[in-house]
Amino acid sequence: MISTAYAMGQAGAPGGQAGGFTAFVPLILMFVIFYFLLIRPQQKKAKEHQNMINNLKKGDRIITSGGVHGTITSLGDTTVSLEIAENVKIKINRGNVAGLMQKPSSAPSKKDKNSK
C-alpha cells in the first residue's frame, strides 16, 4: 500500500512544479497593476505636498485640511501662524496645510468699467 501511494506522488511531481510558477504569474501582474495605479500616484502626491509645505512663505494664502482659509503671518519649524480675520490669529501644524489658494486673476479696474 505504501509503495502504491509513493508511486502516485512521483508521477504527479513534474506537472506540479510548472503549475506552481504559473500560479504566481497572476499575483505578480496584480501587484504590478496596483503599483502603477495606486502606490506610485500616492507617493507622487505625498512628495508634491511635502514640497509645497517646505516652500511656504509669509504672506501666502492657504487653506487648511479643516477648511480654514487664512494668510500666513509667521512660520515655525512645525507650526504656521495664520491670520483668518482682522486681529484673529491661529497656529496650526504644517501638516494640516491642505494647499495654497490661487491668486485672484487681475479683475478689470473701475477705470476699465467706466470706459465701456
N, C-alpha and C. Protein backbone atom coordinates (compact mmCIF):
# COMPACT_ATOMS: atom_id res chain seq x y z
N MET A 1 0.81 -1.18 0.00
CA MET A 1 0.00 0.00 0.00
C MET A 1 0.86 1.26 0.00
N ILE A 2 1.92 1.24 0.77
CA ILE A 2 2.80 2.40 0.83
C ILE A 2 3.50 2.63 -0.50
N SER A 3 3.94 1.56 -1.14
CA SER A 3 4.62 1.72 -2.41
C SER A 3 3.70 2.27 -3.49
N THR A 4 2.42 1.97 -3.43
CA THR A 4 1.47 2.48 -4.42
C THR A 4 1.28 3.99 -4.23
N ALA A 5 1.14 4.45 -3.01
CA ALA A 5 0.97 5.87 -2.73
C ALA A 5 2.23 6.65 -3.11
N TYR A 6 3.37 6.06 -2.84
CA TYR A 6 4.63 6.71 -3.19
C TYR A 6 4.75 6.83 -4.70
N ALA A 7 4.36 5.82 -5.42
CA ALA A 7 4.45 5.83 -6.88
C ALA A 7 3.51 6.89 -7.45
N MET A 8 2.35 7.08 -6.87
CA MET A 8 1.41 8.08 -7.37
C MET A 8 1.95 9.49 -7.14
N GLY A 9 2.63 9.71 -6.05
CA GLY A 9 3.21 11.02 -5.78
C GLY A 9 4.32 11.35 -6.75
N GLN A 10 5.09 10.40 -7.18
CA GLN A 10 6.17 10.63 -8.12
C GLN A 10 5.64 10.99 -9.50
N ALA A 11 4.56 10.41 -9.91
CA ALA A 11 4.04 10.66 -11.25
C ALA A 11 3.49 12.09 -11.37
N GLY A 12 2.94 12.65 -10.30
CA GLY A 12 2.35 13.98 -10.37
C GLY A 12 3.36 15.10 -10.14
N ALA A 13 4.55 14.85 -9.71
CA ALA A 13 5.52 15.88 -9.36
C ALA A 13 5.97 16.74 -10.53
N PRO A 14 6.32 16.21 -11.70
CA PRO A 14 6.80 17.08 -12.77
C PRO A 14 5.74 18.10 -13.22
N GLY A 15 4.50 17.73 -13.30
CA GLY A 15 3.46 18.66 -13.70
C GLY A 15 3.18 19.69 -12.61
N GLY A 16 3.36 19.36 -11.37
CA GLY A 16 3.09 20.26 -10.25
C GLY A 16 4.10 21.39 -10.17
N GLN A 17 5.33 21.18 -10.55
CA GLN A 17 6.35 22.22 -10.49
C GLN A 17 6.05 23.32 -11.48
N ALA A 18 5.68 23.00 -12.68
CA ALA A 18 5.37 24.01 -13.69
C ALA A 18 4.10 24.76 -13.30
N GLY A 19 3.13 24.08 -12.73
CA GLY A 19 1.89 24.71 -12.31
C GLY A 19 2.10 25.67 -11.16
N GLY A 20 3.08 25.42 -10.32
CA GLY A 20 3.36 26.31 -9.18
C GLY A 20 3.82 27.68 -9.63
N PHE A 21 4.68 27.74 -10.61
CA PHE A 21 5.17 29.03 -11.11
C PHE A 21 4.07 29.80 -11.83
N THR A 22 3.31 29.11 -12.64
CA THR A 22 2.24 29.78 -13.38
C THR A 22 1.14 30.27 -12.45
N ALA A 23 1.01 29.71 -11.29
CA ALA A 23 0.01 30.17 -10.33
C ALA A 23 0.40 31.53 -9.76
N PHE A 24 1.69 31.85 -9.72
CA PHE A 24 2.14 33.14 -9.18
C PHE A 24 2.11 34.27 -10.21
N VAL A 25 2.03 33.94 -11.49
CA VAL A 25 2.02 34.96 -12.53
C VAL A 25 0.86 35.94 -12.35
N PRO A 26 -0.38 35.50 -12.11
CA PRO A 26 -1.47 36.48 -11.90
C PRO A 26 -1.24 37.36 -10.66
N LEU A 27 -0.67 36.80 -9.62
CA LEU A 27 -0.39 37.59 -8.42
C LEU A 27 0.66 38.67 -8.71
N ILE A 28 1.67 38.31 -9.48
CA ILE A 28 2.70 39.28 -9.84
C ILE A 28 2.10 40.38 -10.71
N LEU A 29 1.27 40.02 -11.66
CA LEU A 29 0.62 41.01 -12.52
C LEU A 29 -0.30 41.93 -11.71
N MET A 30 -1.01 41.38 -10.74
CA MET A 30 -1.88 42.20 -9.88
C MET A 30 -1.04 43.20 -9.08
N PHE A 31 0.08 42.78 -8.57
CA PHE A 31 0.95 43.68 -7.82
C PHE A 31 1.47 44.81 -8.71
N VAL A 32 1.86 44.48 -9.94
CA VAL A 32 2.35 45.50 -10.86
C VAL A 32 1.25 46.50 -11.18
N ILE A 33 0.04 46.03 -11.40
CA ILE A 33 -1.09 46.92 -11.68
C ILE A 33 -1.37 47.80 -10.48
N PHE A 34 -1.41 47.24 -9.27
CA PHE A 34 -1.63 48.04 -8.06
C PHE A 34 -0.53 49.08 -7.88
N TYR A 35 0.69 48.72 -8.19
CA TYR A 35 1.79 49.66 -8.03
C TYR A 35 1.57 50.88 -8.92
N PHE A 36 1.27 50.66 -10.20
CA PHE A 36 1.15 51.77 -11.13
C PHE A 36 -0.16 52.54 -10.98
N LEU A 37 -1.22 51.90 -10.49
CA LEU A 37 -2.49 52.60 -10.35
C LEU A 37 -2.72 53.19 -8.96
N LEU A 38 -2.12 52.64 -7.93
CA LEU A 38 -2.39 53.11 -6.57
C LEU A 38 -1.16 53.63 -5.83
N ILE A 39 -0.14 52.84 -5.74
CA ILE A 39 1.01 53.16 -4.89
C ILE A 39 1.83 54.32 -5.46
N ARG A 40 2.19 54.25 -6.73
CA ARG A 40 3.04 55.29 -7.34
C ARG A 40 2.37 56.66 -7.35
N PRO A 41 1.09 56.78 -7.76
CA PRO A 41 0.46 58.11 -7.72
C PRO A 41 0.36 58.67 -6.30
N GLN A 42 0.12 57.80 -5.31
CA GLN A 42 0.03 58.28 -3.93
C GLN A 42 1.38 58.80 -3.44
N GLN A 43 2.46 58.12 -3.80
CA GLN A 43 3.79 58.58 -3.42
C GLN A 43 4.11 59.92 -4.09
N LYS A 44 3.70 60.08 -5.34
CA LYS A 44 3.95 61.32 -6.06
C LYS A 44 3.18 62.46 -5.42
N LYS A 45 1.93 62.22 -5.05
CA LYS A 45 1.10 63.24 -4.41
C LYS A 45 1.69 63.64 -3.06
N ALA A 46 2.15 62.66 -2.29
CA ALA A 46 2.75 62.95 -0.98
C ALA A 46 4.03 63.77 -1.13
N LYS A 47 4.82 63.48 -2.15
CA LYS A 47 6.06 64.23 -2.39
C LYS A 47 5.75 65.67 -2.77
N GLU A 48 4.74 65.89 -3.63
CA GLU A 48 4.34 67.24 -4.02
C GLU A 48 3.83 68.03 -2.81
N HIS A 49 3.06 67.36 -1.94
CA HIS A 49 2.53 68.03 -0.73
C HIS A 49 3.68 68.43 0.19
N GLN A 50 4.66 67.56 0.35
CA GLN A 50 5.81 67.87 1.20
C GLN A 50 6.59 69.05 0.63
N ASN A 51 6.77 69.09 -0.68
CA ASN A 51 7.46 70.22 -1.31
C ASN A 51 6.69 71.52 -1.09
N MET A 52 5.36 71.46 -1.21
CA MET A 52 4.53 72.64 -1.01
C MET A 52 4.66 73.14 0.43
N ILE A 53 4.65 72.23 1.39
CA ILE A 53 4.78 72.61 2.81
C ILE A 53 6.15 73.22 3.08
N ASN A 54 7.19 72.67 2.48
CA ASN A 54 8.54 73.20 2.69
C ASN A 54 8.73 74.57 2.05
N ASN A 55 7.95 74.90 1.02
CA ASN A 55 8.12 76.15 0.30
C ASN A 55 7.14 77.24 0.72
N LEU A 56 6.44 77.05 1.84
CA LEU A 56 5.54 78.09 2.33
C LEU A 56 6.33 79.32 2.74
N LYS A 57 5.73 80.49 2.55
CA LYS A 57 6.39 81.73 2.97
C LYS A 57 5.35 82.69 3.52
N LYS A 58 5.83 83.68 4.23
CA LYS A 58 4.96 84.67 4.85
C LYS A 58 4.17 85.40 3.77
N GLY A 59 2.87 85.56 4.00
CA GLY A 59 2.02 86.26 3.06
C GLY A 59 1.24 85.34 2.13
N ASP A 60 1.58 84.05 2.10
CA ASP A 60 0.84 83.11 1.26
C ASP A 60 -0.57 82.92 1.81
N ARG A 61 -1.55 82.80 0.91
CA ARG A 61 -2.91 82.48 1.31
C ARG A 61 -3.06 80.97 1.18
N ILE A 62 -3.50 80.32 2.27
CA ILE A 62 -3.61 78.87 2.29
C ILE A 62 -4.99 78.44 2.77
N ILE A 63 -5.26 77.17 2.59
CA ILE A 63 -6.44 76.54 3.16
C ILE A 63 -5.96 75.33 3.95
N THR A 64 -6.54 75.13 5.12
CA THR A 64 -6.13 74.01 5.98
C THR A 64 -6.98 72.79 5.66
N SER A 65 -6.58 71.66 6.21
CA SER A 65 -7.34 70.43 5.99
C SER A 65 -8.71 70.51 6.64
N GLY A 66 -8.89 71.42 7.59
CA GLY A 66 -10.19 71.62 8.22
C GLY A 66 -11.06 72.62 7.50
N GLY A 67 -10.53 73.24 6.44
CA GLY A 67 -11.31 74.17 5.65
C GLY A 67 -11.15 75.63 6.04
N VAL A 68 -10.20 75.94 6.91
CA VAL A 68 -9.98 77.32 7.34
C VAL A 68 -9.08 78.01 6.32
N HIS A 69 -9.52 79.17 5.85
CA HIS A 69 -8.73 79.98 4.92
C HIS A 69 -8.01 81.06 5.71
N GLY A 70 -6.77 81.35 5.35
CA GLY A 70 -6.04 82.38 6.04
C GLY A 70 -4.77 82.77 5.33
N THR A 71 -4.13 83.79 5.88
CA THR A 71 -2.87 84.30 5.35
C THR A 71 -1.77 84.01 6.37
N ILE A 72 -0.64 83.50 5.91
CA ILE A 72 0.46 83.17 6.81
C ILE A 72 1.08 84.45 7.34
N THR A 73 1.19 84.53 8.68
CA THR A 73 1.84 85.68 9.29
C THR A 73 3.22 85.34 9.82
N SER A 74 3.43 84.09 10.23
CA SER A 74 4.77 83.66 10.65
C SER A 74 4.87 82.15 10.50
N LEU A 75 6.11 81.69 10.37
CA LEU A 75 6.40 80.27 10.18
C LEU A 75 7.35 79.79 11.26
N GLY A 76 7.08 78.61 11.78
CA GLY A 76 7.99 77.95 12.70
C GLY A 76 8.47 76.66 12.06
N ASP A 77 9.24 75.87 12.80
CA ASP A 77 9.71 74.60 12.25
C ASP A 77 8.55 73.64 12.00
N THR A 78 7.61 73.59 12.94
CA THR A 78 6.50 72.65 12.80
C THR A 78 5.15 73.34 12.78
N THR A 79 5.10 74.65 12.98
CA THR A 79 3.82 75.36 13.04
C THR A 79 3.77 76.51 12.05
N VAL A 80 2.55 76.92 11.77
CA VAL A 80 2.28 78.07 10.90
C VAL A 80 1.26 78.93 11.61
N SER A 81 1.52 80.24 11.69
CA SER A 81 0.54 81.17 12.25
C SER A 81 -0.25 81.78 11.11
N LEU A 82 -1.58 81.71 11.24
CA LEU A 82 -2.47 82.23 10.22
C LEU A 82 -3.29 83.39 10.76
N GLU A 83 -3.52 84.37 9.91
CA GLU A 83 -4.48 85.41 10.25
C GLU A 83 -5.73 85.08 9.44
N ILE A 84 -6.81 84.72 10.16
CA ILE A 84 -8.03 84.30 9.47
C ILE A 84 -9.05 85.43 9.38
N ALA A 85 -8.88 86.46 10.20
CA ALA A 85 -9.70 87.67 10.15
C ALA A 85 -8.85 88.78 10.75
N GLU A 86 -9.35 90.00 10.71
CA GLU A 86 -8.58 91.11 11.26
C GLU A 86 -8.37 90.89 12.75
N ASN A 87 -7.11 90.86 13.18
CA ASN A 87 -6.69 90.64 14.57
C ASN A 87 -7.11 89.29 15.12
N VAL A 88 -7.32 88.30 14.27
CA VAL A 88 -7.62 86.93 14.71
C VAL A 88 -6.55 86.02 14.11
N LYS A 89 -5.69 85.49 15.00
CA LYS A 89 -4.60 84.64 14.54
C LYS A 89 -4.71 83.28 15.20
N ILE A 90 -4.37 82.24 14.45
CA ILE A 90 -4.34 80.88 14.98
C ILE A 90 -3.04 80.23 14.57
N LYS A 91 -2.66 79.19 15.32
CA LYS A 91 -1.48 78.39 14.98
C LYS A 91 -1.95 77.00 14.59
N ILE A 92 -1.37 76.50 13.52
CA ILE A 92 -1.67 75.14 13.08
C ILE A 92 -0.36 74.41 12.78
N ASN A 93 -0.43 73.09 12.73
CA ASN A 93 0.73 72.30 12.32
C ASN A 93 0.91 72.43 10.82
N ARG A 94 2.13 72.38 10.37
CA ARG A 94 2.41 72.49 8.94
C ARG A 94 1.72 71.38 8.15
N GLY A 95 1.61 70.21 8.73
CA GLY A 95 0.99 69.09 8.04
C GLY A 95 -0.48 69.29 7.76
N ASN A 96 -1.12 70.22 8.46
CA ASN A 96 -2.54 70.48 8.25
C ASN A 96 -2.81 71.46 7.12
N VAL A 97 -1.78 71.94 6.47
CA VAL A 97 -1.97 72.81 5.32
C VAL A 97 -2.37 71.93 4.14
N ALA A 98 -3.57 72.16 3.62
CA ALA A 98 -4.07 71.34 2.51
C ALA A 98 -3.57 71.86 1.17
N GLY A 99 -3.44 73.19 1.04
CA GLY A 99 -2.98 73.71 -0.23
C GLY A 99 -2.91 75.21 -0.24
N LEU A 100 -2.27 75.71 -1.27
CA LEU A 100 -2.19 77.15 -1.49
C LEU A 100 -3.42 77.58 -2.28
N MET A 101 -3.93 78.75 -1.94
CA MET A 101 -5.07 79.28 -2.69
C MET A 101 -4.54 79.99 -3.92
N GLN A 102 -5.28 79.88 -4.99
CA GLN A 102 -4.90 80.56 -6.22
C GLN A 102 -5.02 82.07 -6.03
N LYS A 103 -4.09 82.77 -6.58
CA LYS A 103 -4.18 84.23 -6.52
C LYS A 103 -5.28 84.65 -7.48
N PRO A 104 -6.10 85.63 -7.10
CA PRO A 104 -7.20 86.03 -7.99
C PRO A 104 -6.64 86.62 -9.28
N SER A 105 -7.34 86.32 -10.35
CA SER A 105 -6.89 86.87 -11.64
C SER A 105 -7.13 88.37 -11.63
N SER A 106 -6.40 89.06 -12.45
CA SER A 106 -6.50 90.52 -12.44
C SER A 106 -7.89 90.94 -12.91
N ALA A 107 -8.65 91.48 -11.98
CA ALA A 107 -10.01 91.92 -12.28
C ALA A 107 -9.93 93.28 -12.99
N PRO A 108 -10.89 93.55 -13.85
CA PRO A 108 -10.85 94.85 -14.52
C PRO A 108 -11.03 95.97 -13.51
N SER A 109 -10.26 97.01 -13.67
CA SER A 109 -10.32 98.14 -12.73
C SER A 109 -11.56 98.98 -13.01
N LYS A 110 -11.85 99.92 -12.10
CA LYS A 110 -13.01 100.80 -12.26
C LYS A 110 -12.85 101.67 -13.50
N LYS A 111 -11.62 101.99 -13.81
CA LYS A 111 -11.35 102.82 -14.98
C LYS A 111 -11.81 102.08 -16.25
N ASP A 112 -11.53 100.75 -16.31
CA ASP A 112 -11.94 99.98 -17.47
C ASP A 112 -13.46 99.88 -17.57
N LYS A 113 -14.14 99.75 -16.44
CA LYS A 113 -15.60 99.64 -16.43
C LYS A 113 -16.26 100.94 -16.90
N ASN A 114 -15.69 102.07 -16.51
CA ASN A 114 -16.27 103.36 -16.87
C ASN A 114 -16.08 103.68 -18.36
N SER A 115 -15.05 103.12 -18.96
CA SER A 115 -14.76 103.43 -20.36
C SER A 115 -15.72 102.73 -21.31
N LYS A 116 -16.43 101.72 -20.84
CA LYS A 116 -17.35 100.98 -21.72
C LYS A 116 -18.63 101.69 -21.95
